[in-house]
Amino acid sequence: MINTKINFCGVEFKNPIVTASGTFGFGMEYNQFAPLEEYGGFSAKGLTRKPREGNKPPRIAETPSGILNSVGLQNPGVEYFAKSIMPILEDYDTNVIANMSGNTIEEYCEMAQILSDTGVSIIEMNISCPNVKHGGLAFGTDPRVVEELTAAVKKHCKKPLVVKLSPNVTSISEIAKAAESGGADGLSLINTLLGMKIDINTRRPILKNNTGGLSGPAVKPVAVRMIHEVHEAVKLPIIGMGGVMSGEDVIEFMLAGASLVALGTGLFAKPDLIIPAKQDIMKYMEKHSIDDINSIIGAAVMN
């Protein structure tokens, strides 16, 4: 028997494939392409304390092997999710990862408390957000702030807390260590890389917000490198993401150190990507006589 189950932060996932927040709506939108039960779990659309309309369009731009997005966290707010969406998702046989973003430590703590009283399996904290109490810097760029934020939120969080790291930093390992010191149960990485695209005829940026987050196959080598670095630096389990387009990519991310791997931008091109990805994984395990997928986590041999 081949085992594809993963125990992540005390939560059992039937397979290592999940989705990246912001690419999968609230899950139900993708049911027409592949049943939600095919996934080990999925990350819901990023939530904020109050509803948000998001940024003005254009807020999506295609790039070679990727996408720039500046959606701006359009969402109905954490309370609406808790009362109206999560009760529906609880009927599906899969794990729900709630993703939250805040402007202040207090907002993060309030959201953690609200989400802890729902049926979500894991709470993912996006720290790549403006921190209005620290000069407008993103929470995720300062190790001291990351540790302080994580420690504060952990006190209000009854579910495993996973901190989502920004790649737009000098040393992602230092940020990972800070989250670990603050009491995080796990980490997810990478978030999008900051980028820009300019229309050469109008001489203006394509995105109304000027810059956006780059995702897709173009960022995959960066993601693999950062996952390996973080896996070496901390003892926390990792959800890896960034340009995953196949089951082979899932295996590569796991070899680098990820326990779970998220499909993101790839779902825009292949909404049913989960099906062939799972098939690829089974073929790989059979080819290499691997009985337990857990055995390949962090198993890449460095020179």
C-alpha atoms as a PDB file:
ATOM      1  CA  MET A   1       0.000   0.000   0.000  1.00  0.00           C
ATOM      2  CA  ILE A   2       1.243   3.486  -0.905  1.00  0.00           C
ATOM      3  CA  ASN A   3       0.713   6.148   1.766  1.00  0.00           C
ATOM      4  CA  THR A   4       0.103   9.723   0.612  1.00  0.00           C
ATOM      5  CA  LYS A   5      -1.275  11.011   3.926  1.00  0.00           C
ATOM      6  CA  ILE A   6       0.510  13.915   5.606  1.00  0.00           C
ATOM      7  CA  ASN A   7       0.170  14.941   9.244  1.00  0.00           C
ATOM      8  CA  PHE A   8       0.649  18.699   9.225  1.00  0.00           C
ATOM      9  CA  CYS A   9       0.530  20.511  12.567  1.00  0.00           C
ATOM     10  CA  GLY A  10      -1.553  17.665  13.995  1.00  0.00           C
ATOM     11  CA  VAL A  11      -4.065  17.785  11.110  1.00  0.00           C
ATOM     12  CA  GLU A  12      -4.303  14.820   8.746  1.00  0.00           C
ATOM     13  CA  PHE A  13      -4.289  15.575   5.015  1.00  0.00           C
ATOM     14  CA  LYS A  14      -5.246  12.714   2.691  1.00  0.00           C
ATOM     15  CA  ASN A  15      -2.616  13.881   0.197  1.00  0.00           C
ATOM     16  CA  PRO A  16      -0.002  16.693   0.146  1.00  0.00           C
ATOM     17  CA  ILE A  17      -1.756  18.896  -2.412  1.00  0.00           C
ATOM     18  CA  VAL A  18      -3.556  22.042  -1.254  1.00  0.00           C
ATOM     19  CA  THR A  19      -4.239  25.394  -2.932  1.00  0.00           C
ATOM     20  CA  ALA A  20      -2.750  28.837  -2.528  1.00  0.00           C
ATOM     21  CA  SER A  21      -4.992  31.529  -1.073  1.00  0.00           C
ATOM     22  CA  GLY A  22      -6.304  34.026  -3.589  1.00  0.00           C
ATOM     23  CA  THR A  23      -6.326  31.564  -6.489  1.00  0.00           C
ATOM     24  CA  PHE A  24      -9.180  29.292  -5.438  1.00  0.00           C
ATOM     25  CA  GLY A  25     -11.969  31.590  -4.264  1.00  0.00           C
ATOM     26  CA  PHE A  26     -13.816  29.834  -1.458  1.00  0.00           C
ATOM     27  CA  GLY A  27     -13.432  26.440  -3.106  1.00  0.00           C
ATOM     28  CA  MET A  28     -16.948  25.978  -4.411  1.00  0.00           C
ATOM     29  CA  GLU A  29     -16.094  27.858  -7.622  1.00  0.00           C
ATOM     30  CA  TYR A  30     -13.797  24.982  -8.686  1.00  0.00           C
ATOM     31  CA  ASN A  31     -16.195  22.111  -7.997  1.00  0.00           C
ATOM     32  CA  GLN A  32     -17.253  22.029 -11.659  1.00  0.00           C
ATOM     33  CA  PHE A  33     -13.688  21.133 -12.657  1.00  0.00           C
ATOM     34  CA  ALA A  34     -12.658  18.722  -9.891  1.00  0.00           C
ATOM     35  CA  PRO A  35     -14.376  17.766  -6.611  1.00  0.00           C
ATOM     36  CA  LEU A  36     -13.012  19.559  -3.544  1.00  0.00           C
ATOM     37  CA  GLU A  37     -12.542  16.133  -1.965  1.00  0.00           C
ATOM     38  CA  GLU A  38      -9.653  15.483  -4.390  1.00  0.00           C
ATOM     39  CA  TYR A  39      -7.518  17.952  -2.432  1.00  0.00           C
ATOM     40  CA  GLY A  40      -5.827  17.300   0.862  1.00  0.00           C
ATOM     41  CA  GLY A  41      -7.056  20.776   1.738  1.00  0.00           C
ATOM     42  CA  PHE A  42      -7.399  24.254   0.310  1.00  0.00           C
ATOM     43  CA  SER A  43      -6.669  27.801   1.365  1.00  0.00           C
ATOM     44  CA  ALA A  44      -9.684  30.072   1.083  1.00  0.00           C
ATOM     45  CA  LYS A  45      -9.530  33.589  -0.316  1.00  0.00           C
ATOM     46  CA  GLY A  46      -7.678  36.007   1.952  1.00  0.00           C
ATOM     47  CA  LEU A  47      -9.887  37.575   4.615  1.00  0.00           C
ATOM     48  CA  THR A  48      -9.705  40.965   6.307  1.00  0.00           C
ATOM     49  CA  ARG A  49     -11.432  42.244   9.452  1.00  0.00           C
ATOM     50  CA  LYS A  50     -13.965  44.223   7.400  1.00  0.00           C
ATOM     51  CA  PRO A  51     -15.178  43.682   3.799  1.00  0.00           C
ATOM     52  CA  ARG A  52     -12.911  45.077   1.082  1.00  0.00           C
ATOM     53  CA  GLU A  53     -13.656  45.983  -2.525  1.00  0.00           C
ATOM     54  CA  GLY A  54     -10.054  45.607  -3.573  1.00  0.00           C
ATOM     55  CA  ASN A  55      -7.989  47.777  -5.902  1.00  0.00           C
ATOM     56  CA  LYS A  56      -9.235  49.536  -9.019  1.00  0.00           C
ATOM     57  CA  PRO A  57      -8.692  47.761 -12.372  1.00  0.00           C
ATOM     58  CA  PRO A  58      -6.632  46.874 -14.269  1.00  0.00           C
ATOM     59  CA  ARG A  59      -5.379  44.583 -11.511  1.00  0.00           C
ATOM     60  CA  ILE A  60      -4.225  41.510 -13.457  1.00  0.00           C
ATOM     61  CA  ALA A  61      -1.476  41.451 -16.090  1.00  0.00           C
ATOM     62  CA  GLU A  62       0.051  38.453 -17.835  1.00  0.00           C
ATOM     63  CA  THR A  63       3.835  38.178 -18.027  1.00  0.00           C
ATOM     64  CA  PRO A  64       6.165  35.607 -19.578  1.00  0.00           C
ATOM     65  CA  SER A  65       5.530  32.410 -17.559  1.00  0.00           C
ATOM     66  CA  GLY A  66       3.537  34.242 -14.921  1.00  0.00           C
ATOM     67  CA  ILE A  67       0.908  36.708 -13.769  1.00  0.00           C
ATOM     68  CA  LEU A  68       1.115  40.046 -11.977  1.00  0.00           C
ATOM     69  CA  ASN A  69      -1.800  40.701  -9.660  1.00  0.00           C
ATOM     70  CA  SER A  70      -2.896  43.651  -7.602  1.00  0.00           C
ATOM     71  CA  VAL A  71      -6.368  42.499  -6.612  1.00  0.00           C
ATOM     72  CA  GLY A  72      -6.107  44.163  -3.218  1.00  0.00           C
ATOM     73  CA  LEU A  73      -7.673  41.453  -1.049  1.00  0.00           C
ATOM     74  CA  GLN A  74     -11.239  41.863  -2.287  1.00  0.00           C
ATOM     75  CA  ASN A  75     -13.310  39.805   0.167  1.00  0.00           C
ATOM     76  CA  PRO A  76     -16.569  39.832   2.177  1.00  0.00           C
ATOM     77  CA  GLY A  77     -14.846  40.083   5.569  1.00  0.00           C
ATOM     78  CA  VAL A  78     -14.040  37.512   8.230  1.00  0.00           C
ATOM     79  CA  GLU A  79     -17.424  37.637   9.976  1.00  0.00           C
ATOM     80  CA  TYR A  80     -19.355  36.905   6.772  1.00  0.00           C
ATOM     81  CA  PHE A  81     -17.004  34.003   6.042  1.00  0.00           C
ATOM     82  CA  ALA A  82     -17.484  32.582   9.533  1.00  0.00           C
ATOM     83  CA  LYS A  83     -21.281  32.854   9.469  1.00  0.00           C
ATOM     84  CA  SER A  84     -22.219  32.246   5.841  1.00  0.00           C
ATOM     85  CA  ILE A  85     -19.404  30.448   3.988  1.00  0.00           C
ATOM     86  CA  MET A  86     -17.662  28.143   6.452  1.00  0.00           C
ATOM     87  CA  PRO A  87     -20.883  26.294   7.414  1.00  0.00           C
ATOM     88  CA  ILE A  88     -21.199  25.259   3.738  1.00  0.00           C
ATOM     89  CA  LEU A  89     -17.551  24.223   3.439  1.00  0.00           C
ATOM     90  CA  GLU A  90     -17.814  21.993   6.499  1.00  0.00           C
ATOM     91  CA  ASP A  91     -19.883  19.553   4.434  1.00  0.00           C
ATOM     92  CA  TYR A  92     -16.901  18.791   2.180  1.00  0.00           C
ATOM     93  CA  ASP A  93     -14.456  16.013   3.090  1.00  0.00           C
ATOM     94  CA  THR A  94     -11.329  18.125   2.993  1.00  0.00           C
ATOM     95  CA  ASN A  95      -9.404  20.531   5.218  1.00  0.00           C
ATOM     96  CA  VAL A  96     -10.114  24.253   5.016  1.00  0.00           C
ATOM     97  CA  ILE A  97      -7.225  26.656   5.624  1.00  0.00           C
ATOM     98  CA  ALA A  98      -8.447  30.163   6.441  1.00  0.00           C
ATOM     99  CA  ASN A  99      -6.110  32.936   5.281  1.00  0.00           C
ATOM    100  CA  MET A 100      -6.193  36.304   7.066  1.00  0.00           C
ATOM    101  CA  SER A 101      -4.534  39.675   6.502  1.00  0.00           C
ATOM    102  CA  GLY A 102      -4.508  42.655   8.834  1.00  0.00           C
ATOM    103  CA  ASN A 103      -3.295  46.225   9.205  1.00  0.00           C
ATOM    104  CA  THR A 104      -2.680  46.041  12.953  1.00  0.00           C
ATOM    105  CA  ILE A 105      -1.787  43.399  15.517  1.00  0.00           C
ATOM    106  CA  GLU A 106      -5.196  43.940  17.089  1.00  0.00           C
ATOM    107  CA  GLU A 107      -6.958  43.127  13.812  1.00  0.00           C
ATOM    108  CA  TYR A 108      -4.997  39.907  13.421  1.00  0.00           C
ATOM    109  CA  CYS A 109      -5.855  38.858  16.990  1.00  0.00           C
ATOM    110  CA  GLU A 110      -9.559  39.572  16.490  1.00  0.00           C
ATOM    111  CA  MET A 111      -9.662  37.560  13.263  1.00  0.00           C
ATOM    112  CA  ALA A 112      -7.792  34.640  14.833  1.00  0.00           C
ATOM    113  CA  GLN A 113     -10.367  34.543  17.601  1.00  0.00           C
ATOM    114  CA  ILE A 114     -13.313  34.620  15.174  1.00  0.00           C
ATOM    115  CA  LEU A 115     -11.837  31.944  12.896  1.00  0.00           C
ATOM    116  CA  SER A 116     -10.888  29.716  15.839  1.00  0.00           C
ATOM    117  CA  ASP A 117     -14.580  29.273  16.590  1.00  0.00           C
ATOM    118  CA  THR A 118     -15.309  27.882  13.100  1.00  0.00           C
ATOM    119  CA  GLY A 119     -14.613  24.516  11.515  1.00  0.00           C
ATOM    120  CA  VAL A 120     -11.405  25.581   9.759  1.00  0.00           C
ATOM    121  CA  SER A 121      -8.505  23.176  10.228  1.00  0.00           C
ATOM    122  CA  ILE A 122      -5.680  25.708  10.085  1.00  0.00           C
ATOM    123  CA  ILE A 123      -5.349  29.495  10.196  1.00  0.00           C
ATOM    124  CA  GLU A 124      -2.819  30.986   7.785  1.00  0.00           C
ATOM    125  CA  MET A 125      -1.562  34.475   8.664  1.00  0.00           C
ATOM    126  CA  ASN A 126      -0.442  36.574   5.719  1.00  0.00           C
ATOM    127  CA  ILE A 127       2.219  38.996   6.995  1.00  0.00           C
ATOM    128  CA  SER A 128       2.872  40.721   3.671  1.00  0.00           C
ATOM    129  CA  CYS A 129       0.472  43.558   4.518  1.00  0.00           C
ATOM    130  CA  PRO A 130       0.897  47.256   5.344  1.00  0.00           C
ATOM    131  CA  ASN A 131       1.469  47.758   9.056  1.00  0.00           C
ATOM    132  CA  VAL A 132      -0.064  51.147   9.751  1.00  0.00           C
ATOM    133  CA  LYS A 133       1.492  51.321  13.210  1.00  0.00           C
ATOM    134  CA  HIS A 134       5.022  50.811  11.902  1.00  0.00           C
ATOM    135  CA  GLY A 135       5.430  53.463   9.241  1.00  0.00           C
ATOM    136  CA  GLY A 136       3.540  51.591   6.524  1.00  0.00           C
ATOM    137  CA  LEU A 137       6.090  48.765   6.283  1.00  0.00           C
ATOM    138  CA  ALA A 138       4.899  45.215   5.658  1.00  0.00           C
ATOM    139  CA  PHE A 139       4.785  43.124   8.823  1.00  0.00           C
ATOM    140  CA  GLY A 140       6.848  40.419   7.154  1.00  0.00           C
ATOM    141  CA  THR A 141      10.028  42.421   6.581  1.00  0.00           C
ATOM    142  CA  ASP A 142      11.124  42.956  10.189  1.00  0.00           C
ATOM    143  CA  PRO A 143      12.080  39.880  12.291  1.00  0.00           C
ATOM    144  CA  ARG A 144      11.326  41.681  15.563  1.00  0.00           C
ATOM    145  CA  VAL A 145       7.837  42.664  14.395  1.00  0.00           C
ATOM    146  CA  VAL A 146       7.196  39.156  13.003  1.00  0.00           C
ATOM    147  CA  GLU A 147       8.013  37.578  16.361  1.00  0.00           C
ATOM    148  CA  GLU A 148       5.883  40.117  18.241  1.00  0.00           C
ATOM    149  CA  LEU A 149       2.927  39.667  15.894  1.00  0.00           C
ATOM    150  CA  THR A 150       3.105  35.869  15.924  1.00  0.00           C
ATOM    151  CA  ALA A 151       3.313  35.713  19.716  1.00  0.00           C
ATOM    152  CA  ALA A 152       0.317  38.040  20.103  1.00  0.00           C
ATOM    153  CA  VAL A 153      -1.877  36.192  17.597  1.00  0.00           C
ATOM    154  CA  LYS A 154      -0.927  32.789  18.978  1.00  0.00           C
ATOM    155  CA  LYS A 155      -2.583  33.740  22.288  1.00  0.00           C
ATOM    156  CA  HIS A 156      -5.923  34.172  20.486  1.00  0.00           C
ATOM    157  CA  CYS A 157      -5.581  31.213  18.104  1.00  0.00           C
ATOM    158  CA  LYS A 158      -7.170  27.874  19.032  1.00  0.00           C
ATOM    159  CA  LYS A 159      -6.215  26.287  15.711  1.00  0.00           C
ATOM    160  CA  PRO A 160      -2.712  25.619  14.310  1.00  0.00           C
ATOM    161  CA  LEU A 161      -1.201  28.938  13.209  1.00  0.00           C
ATOM    162  CA  VAL A 162       0.759  28.988   9.944  1.00  0.00           C
ATOM    163  CA  VAL A 163       2.665  32.164   9.079  1.00  0.00           C
ATOM    164  CA  LYS A 164       2.862  32.988   5.370  1.00  0.00           C
ATOM    165  CA  LEU A 165       6.231  34.530   4.527  1.00  0.00           C
ATOM    166  CA  SER A 166       7.060  37.233   2.020  1.00  0.00           C
ATOM    167  CA  PRO A 167       9.972  36.595  -0.389  1.00  0.00           C
ATOM    168  CA  ASN A 168      10.557  40.352  -0.651  1.00  0.00           C
ATOM    169  CA  VAL A 169      13.114  40.345   2.167  1.00  0.00           C
ATOM    170  CA  THR A 170      16.883  40.223   2.553  1.00  0.00           C
ATOM    171  CA  SER A 171      16.885  36.919   4.470  1.00  0.00           C
ATOM    172  CA  ILE A 172      13.774  34.759   4.506  1.00  0.00           C
ATOM    173  CA  SER A 173      15.482  32.393   6.966  1.00  0.00           C
ATOM    174  CA  GLU A 174      15.711  35.159   9.572  1.00  0.00           C
ATOM    175  CA  ILE A 175      12.008  35.911   9.167  1.00  0.00           C
ATOM    176  CA  ALA A 176      11.222  32.190   9.479  1.00  0.00           C
ATOM    177  CA  LYS A 177      13.242  31.956  12.694  1.00  0.00           C
ATOM    178  CA  ALA A 178      11.365  34.958  14.089  1.00  0.00           C
ATOM    179  CA  ALA A 179       8.002  33.317  13.369  1.00  0.00           C
ATOM    180  CA  GLU A 180       9.230  30.120  15.011  1.00  0.00           C
ATOM    181  CA  SER A 181      10.374  32.063  18.085  1.00  0.00           C
ATOM    182  CA  GLY A 182       6.951  33.716  18.233  1.00  0.00           C
ATOM    183  CA  GLY A 183       5.250  30.337  18.498  1.00  0.00           C
ATOM    184  CA  ALA A 184       4.116  29.601  14.927  1.00  0.00           C
ATOM    185  CA  ASP A 185       3.031  26.007  14.319  1.00  0.00           C
ATOM    186  CA  GLY A 186       4.022  26.046  10.654  1.00  0.00           C
ATOM    187  CA  LEU A 187       5.089  28.249   7.751  1.00  0.00           C
ATOM    188  CA  SER A 188       3.937  28.777   4.173  1.00  0.00           C
ATOM    189  CA  LEU A 189       6.069  30.210   1.367  1.00  0.00           C
ATOM    190  CA  ILE A 190       6.562  31.847  -0.941  1.00  0.00           C
ATOM    191  CA  ASN A 191       4.126  34.685  -1.332  1.00  0.00           C
ATOM    192  CA  THR A 192       4.319  36.673  -4.580  1.00  0.00           C
ATOM    193  CA  LEU A 193       7.394  38.612  -5.692  1.00  0.00           C
ATOM    194  CA  LEU A 194       6.922  42.346  -6.207  1.00  0.00           C
ATOM    195  CA  GLY A 195       6.954  43.266  -9.902  1.00  0.00           C
ATOM    196  CA  MET A 196       5.852  45.773 -12.544  1.00  0.00           C
ATOM    197  CA  LYS A 197       4.869  45.818 -16.203  1.00  0.00           C
ATOM    198  CA  ILE A 198       4.865  49.007 -18.340  1.00  0.00           C
ATOM    199  CA  ASP A 199       2.886  49.687 -21.530  1.00  0.00           C
ATOM    200  CA  ILE A 200       5.526  51.047 -23.927  1.00  0.00           C
ATOM    201  CA  ASN A 201       2.923  52.997 -25.919  1.00  0.00           C
ATOM    202  CA  THR A 202       1.256  54.842 -23.040  1.00  0.00           C
ATOM    203  CA  ARG A 203       4.446  54.715 -20.938  1.00  0.00           C
ATOM    204  CA  ARG A 204       2.303  53.865 -17.930  1.00  0.00           C
ATOM    205  CA  PRO A 205       2.260  50.752 -15.743  1.00  0.00           C
ATOM    206  CA  ILE A 206      -0.340  48.199 -16.847  1.00  0.00           C
ATOM    207  CA  LEU A 207      -1.652  47.805 -13.301  1.00  0.00           C
ATOM    208  CA  LYS A 208      -3.632  50.690 -11.845  1.00  0.00           C
ATOM    209  CA  ASN A 209      -1.725  50.200  -8.594  1.00  0.00           C
ATOM    210  CA  ASN A 210       1.573  50.384 -10.559  1.00  0.00           C
ATOM    211  CA  THR A 211       3.088  47.281  -8.952  1.00  0.00           C
ATOM    212  CA  GLY A 212       1.757  43.819  -8.216  1.00  0.00           C
ATOM    213  CA  GLY A 213       2.670  40.357  -7.040  1.00  0.00           C
ATOM    214  CA  LEU A 214       4.349  38.037  -9.543  1.00  0.00           C
ATOM    215  CA  SER A 215       3.326  34.382  -9.452  1.00  0.00           C
ATOM    216  CA  GLY A 216       3.477  31.417 -11.820  1.00  0.00           C
ATOM    217  CA  PRO A 217       6.285  29.226 -13.235  1.00  0.00           C
ATOM    218  CA  ALA A 218       8.652  32.219 -13.443  1.00  0.00           C
ATOM    219  CA  VAL A 219       9.031  32.274  -9.645  1.00  0.00           C
ATOM    220  CA  LYS A 220       9.414  28.515  -9.117  1.00  0.00           C
ATOM    221  CA  PRO A 221      13.247  28.360  -8.848  1.00  0.00           C
ATOM    222  CA  VAL A 222      13.149  31.161  -6.263  1.00  0.00           C
ATOM    223  CA  ALA A 223      10.476  29.303  -4.312  1.00  0.00           C
ATOM    224  CA  VAL A 224      12.403  26.022  -4.315  1.00  0.00           C
ATOM    225  CA  ARG A 225      15.547  27.771  -3.076  1.00  0.00           C
ATOM    226  CA  MET A 226      13.741  29.622  -0.307  1.00  0.00           C
ATOM    227  CA  ILE A 227      11.860  26.517   0.858  1.00  0.00           C
ATOM    228  CA  HIS A 228      15.154  24.643   1.112  1.00  0.00           C
ATOM    229  CA  GLU A 229      16.753  27.503   3.073  1.00  0.00           C
ATOM    230  CA  VAL A 230      13.849  27.724   5.510  1.00  0.00           C
ATOM    231  CA  HIS A 231      13.671  23.942   5.938  1.00  0.00           C
ATOM    232  CA  GLU A 232      17.334  23.997   6.933  1.00  0.00           C
ATOM    233  CA  ALA A 233      16.877  26.944   9.303  1.00  0.00           C
ATOM    234  CA  VAL A 234      13.813  25.932  11.359  1.00  0.00           C
ATOM    235  CA  LYS A 235      12.019  22.832  12.609  1.00  0.00           C
ATOM    236  CA  LEU A 236       8.529  23.928  11.556  1.00  0.00           C
ATOM    237  CA  PRO A 237       6.592  22.106   8.792  1.00  0.00           C
ATOM    238  CA  ILE A 238       6.207  24.030   5.536  1.00  0.00           C
ATOM    239  CA  ILE A 239       3.478  24.579   2.965  1.00  0.00           C
ATOM    240  CA  GLY A 240       5.396  25.246  -0.249  1.00  0.00           C
ATOM    241  CA  MET A 241       4.086  27.204  -3.233  1.00  0.00           C
ATOM    242  CA  GLY A 242       5.227  29.234  -6.194  1.00  0.00           C
ATOM    243  CA  GLY A 243       4.799  28.158  -9.818  1.00  0.00           C
ATOM    244  CA  VAL A 244       3.623  24.574  -9.253  1.00  0.00           C
ATOM    245  CA  MET A 245       2.274  23.214 -12.552  1.00  0.00           C
ATOM    246  CA  SER A 246       2.503  19.428 -12.185  1.00  0.00           C
ATOM    247  CA  GLY A 247       2.900  16.491  -9.855  1.00  0.00           C
ATOM    248  CA  GLU A 248       6.618  16.539 -10.627  1.00  0.00           C
ATOM    249  CA  ASP A 249       6.736  20.089  -9.257  1.00  0.00           C
ATOM    250  CA  VAL A 250       4.984  18.893  -6.105  1.00  0.00           C
ATOM    251  CA  ILE A 251       7.673  16.221  -5.651  1.00  0.00           C
ATOM    252  CA  GLU A 252      10.440  18.794  -6.193  1.00  0.00           C
ATOM    253  CA  PHE A 253       8.987  21.113  -3.559  1.00  0.00           C
ATOM    254  CA  MET A 254       8.707  18.237  -1.092  1.00  0.00           C
ATOM    255  CA  LEU A 255      12.311  17.203  -1.722  1.00  0.00           C
ATOM    256  CA  ALA A 256      13.273  20.814  -0.955  1.00  0.00           C
ATOM    257  CA  GLY A 257      11.506  20.576   2.412  1.00  0.00           C
ATOM    258  CA  ALA A 258       7.767  21.201   1.971  1.00  0.00           C
ATOM    259  CA  SER A 259       5.302  18.874   3.696  1.00  0.00           C
ATOM    260  CA  LEU A 260       2.308  20.241   1.776  1.00  0.00           C
ATOM    261  CA  VAL A 261       2.420  21.885  -1.658  1.00  0.00           C
ATOM    262  CA  ALA A 262      -0.061  24.443  -2.980  1.00  0.00           C
ATOM    263  CA  LEU A 263      -1.384  24.873  -6.495  1.00  0.00           C
ATOM    264  CA  GLY A 264      -1.926  28.525  -7.348  1.00  0.00           C
ATOM    265  CA  THR A 265      -1.613  30.319 -10.674  1.00  0.00           C
ATOM    266  CA  GLY A 266      -1.461  26.920 -12.387  1.00  0.00           C
ATOM    267  CA  LEU A 267      -5.171  26.507 -11.617  1.00  0.00           C
ATOM    268  CA  PHE A 268      -5.982  29.442 -13.899  1.00  0.00           C
ATOM    269  CA  ALA A 269      -4.483  27.548 -16.841  1.00  0.00           C
ATOM    270  CA  LYS A 270      -5.590  24.064 -15.712  1.00  0.00           C
ATOM    271  CA  PRO A 271      -8.585  24.256 -13.355  1.00  0.00           C
ATOM    272  CA  ASP A 272      -8.497  20.465 -12.944  1.00  0.00           C
ATOM    273  CA  LEU A 273      -4.734  20.357 -12.323  1.00  0.00           C
ATOM    274  CA  ILE A 274      -5.255  18.372  -9.117  1.00  0.00           C
ATOM    275  CA  ILE A 275      -6.220  15.242 -11.109  1.00  0.00           C
ATOM    276  CA  PRO A 276      -3.089  14.855 -13.288  1.00  0.00           C
ATOM    277  CA  ALA A 277      -0.891  16.098 -10.422  1.00  0.00           C
ATOM    278  CA  LYS A 278      -2.065  13.262  -8.160  1.00  0.00           C
ATOM    279  CA  GLN A 279      -1.526  10.779 -10.991  1.00  0.00           C
ATOM    280  CA  ASP A 280       2.031  12.081 -11.498  1.00  0.00           C
ATOM    281  CA  ILE A 281       2.787  11.599  -7.817  1.00  0.00           C
ATOM    282  CA  MET A 282       1.550   8.003  -7.800  1.00  0.00           C
ATOM    283  CA  LYS A 283       3.621   7.182 -10.899  1.00  0.00           C
ATOM    284  CA  TYR A 284       6.719   8.705  -9.289  1.00  0.00           C
ATOM    285  CA  MET A 285       6.234   6.753  -6.066  1.00  0.00           C
ATOM    286  CA  GLU A 286       5.708   3.492  -7.940  1.00  0.00           C
ATOM    287  CA  LYS A 287       8.714   4.107 -10.207  1.00  0.00           C
ATOM    288  CA  HIS A 288      11.015   4.759  -7.250  1.00  0.00           C
ATOM    289  CA  SER A 289       9.452   2.138  -4.941  1.00  0.00           C
ATOM    290  CA  ILE A 290       8.379   4.758  -2.382  1.00  0.00           C
ATOM    291  CA  ASP A 291       5.802   3.422   0.078  1.00  0.00           C
ATOM    292  CA  ASP A 292       5.377   6.565   2.192  1.00  0.00           C
ATOM    293  CA  ILE A 293       5.419  10.049   0.682  1.00  0.00           C
ATOM    294  CA  ASN A 294       6.606  11.465   4.012  1.00  0.00           C
ATOM    295  CA  SER A 295      10.002   9.895   3.343  1.00  0.00           C
ATOM    296  CA  ILE A 296      10.832  12.392   0.585  1.00  0.00           C
ATOM    297  CA  ILE A 297      10.252  15.557   2.630  1.00  0.00           C
ATOM    298  CA  GLY A 298      13.572  17.429   2.686  1.00  0.00           C
ATOM    299  CA  ALA A 299      15.306  14.436   1.101  1.00  0.00           C
ATOM    300  CA  ALA A 300      17.142  16.346  -1.647  1.00  0.00           C
ATOM    301  CA  VAL A 301      20.871  15.589  -1.550  1.00  0.00           C
ATOM    302  CA  MET A 302      22.960  18.773  -1.660  1.00  0.00           C
ATOM    303  CA  ASN A 303      26.433  18.856  -3.252  1.00  0.00           C
END
